[in-house]
Amino acid sequence: MQPILDHLSAIDAMIQTGDATDLPGLADAHSRFESVMELLSATSGVAAPLMQDMSARGRGAREKLEQLILNEAQDAAAHMSFIQQQITAMTQLLAGQTPVAAPMTDAFEAAKIAAQEEPAGVHATFPAVAHVFSEDDLPLVGEFVGEANVHLESAESELLKLEEDAGNLDSIGALFRAFHTIKGVAGFLNLNQIQTLAHAAENLLDMGREGKLKVHGAASDLVLQAIDLMKKLISAVDEAARAVQPMQPTPGVTELAASINRFADKVTKGEIVEAESSANAESAASAIIAETTELEAAADAKPKQQAADSTVKVATDRLDSLINMVGELVIANSMVTQDVAGALSQNQRLGRHIGHLGKIVRDLQDLSMSLRMVPVNAVFRKMTRLVRDVARKAGKEVDLIIAGADTELDRNVVEALADPLVHMVRNSVDHGIEPADVRVAAGKPRPGRLELRAYHKGGNINIDIIDDGRGLNRDKILAKAIQNGLVNEGDPISDAEIYKLVFAAGLSTADKVTDISGRGVGMDVVKRNIEALRGRIDIFTEKGKGSTFTIRLPLTLAVIDGLVVKVGQNKYILPITSIEQSIRPSAEQLSTVQNRGELVNMRGSLLPLVRLHQLFGVEPTTQDPTQSLVVIVQDNDRRVCLLVDELLGQEQVVIKSLGEDIGETRGISGGAVLGDGNVSLIIDVPGVVELAAM
């Protein structure tokens, strides 16, 4: 018992010598109360009534201390006196004496007694005034926003785990600590709305820690709503601090905090019944689905705490500037190397130094690029919440399986990937997976299965969205496309081309429009966003068995290894990962087929021949393929032959945008500065393959 007495003695000394404005002292006292509660829960061999009385007094005193920290007490002196009374009573109980202060059976009863002194309490409403940050607050605000977002992401992940195991005390504890930490820092910054909402959620979760409440159903929905609203509050803090403007109050905070407190009161009184919980859960789900698409992909934030000496936070704009400068260094190194190439054979010392410099630059480039790589886990984790909410809204049962969440991708790609994934996952749940009764009638498991899978393939990252639903309806898609004028009735069109029509603007096969989907808006945006990342989407579907949407993305948007080819006087860059081989074709390998253009016979396979000089409008050295070279490139299962004049060698290049004035060009994905200082265009192999198929 001595450790408990030591903590109580230290708290008592602080209360007697300190005051209600000594936030560091109050925070230390609160930390000691946490230790006392943990020691009490771990103590054995003590009579149950004594332990219950000790715990109740500890909770009551801790709650009053929290109200002092949050500046919620109307009468600070009364609160300090109340805390000191409970410390004295707990010390007397440990000594086997009868306390002078009346016994308290529950922390909520303590709150009611103290509420006579502080009628506002945690249910106080907020005046409609803006919060103004001082200049001294701004550095702390930036740190608070980053840490709070990490805690909220972690809290959401832990809460979704509780739906599988409502009694997981580790997850409940992690949730509690997340809200508790946010509340504490918000108190120092006088962010009253954040304090109150976090305090309400923390109280509810504390009941879960003590075994009074299972955090699932309606309780889970209330905490999820608190997380959603907390994200809005944190975003508002960030925007106000960045703009150095007053932060306006966010509506709905008082109401949600009051709802959480009422729910906690009902649990305490034993008034919560299963039917009511189900109704509350359905109401909560309806309220939060509309907010799901607004969640940002915090791809570079990791939910686990890391040692302070092993990580350093760096602003993303500084990181991007560093990577851009390293890219310029690579270009400058290539120029210098090419300029002195003639002198290297005569000066071995210069050759060694240039080679050593080149190695350092390459290593520096690899290291800088690795700084941009982050796991897709952050985006995938958000899909867990989305599937849960959309399935509940649609009245379906869906199990989400995630694989390859540790696969790393360029941070900019991950950030841009979040919105397309939201649309595709929502469509899979709403359109693809059938209701439970329909699945059972079809001989399928009652819950639908949706899998998100990320993996490396051919120098790219593939992300599969796989469902075991009804599959795409070929005839329905075709009929809708004809109705919308996308294709003409009777036109020869393959199944693959029909399925790709789901990405056409305004095309939807939904029988009715819902607040989830059905307006034909979204999938066209998905395709456009993925192509902007130099990626593509492929579809495989089987009626009655499900669909697979595969997103193929480059590992990075900054650097590629390329083969430099020459066509006429121009140089182009082909990504190495897309090249199969290069040959000089013989006359016997060349043929022309009506309506299919020129073909090259490669080991029995007829591949389309694409003359790059025709595609880009340049004058070639020769138009005779037998006097030129053919580079065979592939995109997934499709292959084409690109006719070029000359191969100049392999080079790692920094990708540069062509700029908004030029815009998107079919068959070109960007530009790069070569070692000779000239700009070359980077060929978009998927785009060229598409052109060859037209």
Foldseek 3Di string as FASTA:
>chain_A
DVLLLVLLVLLLVCLVPHFLVPLVSLVSNLVSLVVNLVVLVVDPPDDPVLSQQLNQLSLQLSLLSLCSLLVQFPDRVVSSVSNNLSSQQNVQSVVVHHRPDDTDRHNVVSVVVSCVRRVCGLLHDDPFDFAAADPVCLVVLVVLLQLLVLLLLLLLLLLLVCQVPQLPLVSLVSNLVSLVVSLNSCSVRSVNLSNSLSVLLNVLSVCSNVVLDRCDQLNSLLVVVSSLVNNVVSVLSVVCSVVSHTRGDDPDSSVSSVVSVVVVVCSVVVNDDPVVSNVSRLVSLVVCLVCLLVDFQPQPRHNDDDDPVPDDDDDVVVLVVVLVVLQVVLLQLLQVCVVCVVVCVVDVVVVVVSVVVNVVSVVVNVVSQVVQKGFLLSLVSSVSVNLVSLCSVLQAAEDEAEERRRDIAGNVVSRLVNNLVSLVSLCCNNPFADHQVVQVVVVHHSHKYWYWYWDDDLQWIKIKTKTFGFWDDQVLLVVQCCVVVVDPPPDDDDSQRSVVSLLPAQGFSDPDQDPSDGRRPRSVVSQVSLVLQLKGWGKDIDGNGIIMIMIIGHRYQWKAKWWWFAFANAIETEGPSFWDAKDQADPVQWDQDPPQGIWGQDPNDTAAEDEVCVVVVHHGPDPDSNQWMWTWTDDVPHIHTYTTRGTDGIDMWTFDAPDPVVPDDQQFNGWTQGNNRDIHTYGSVVSVRVVSVD
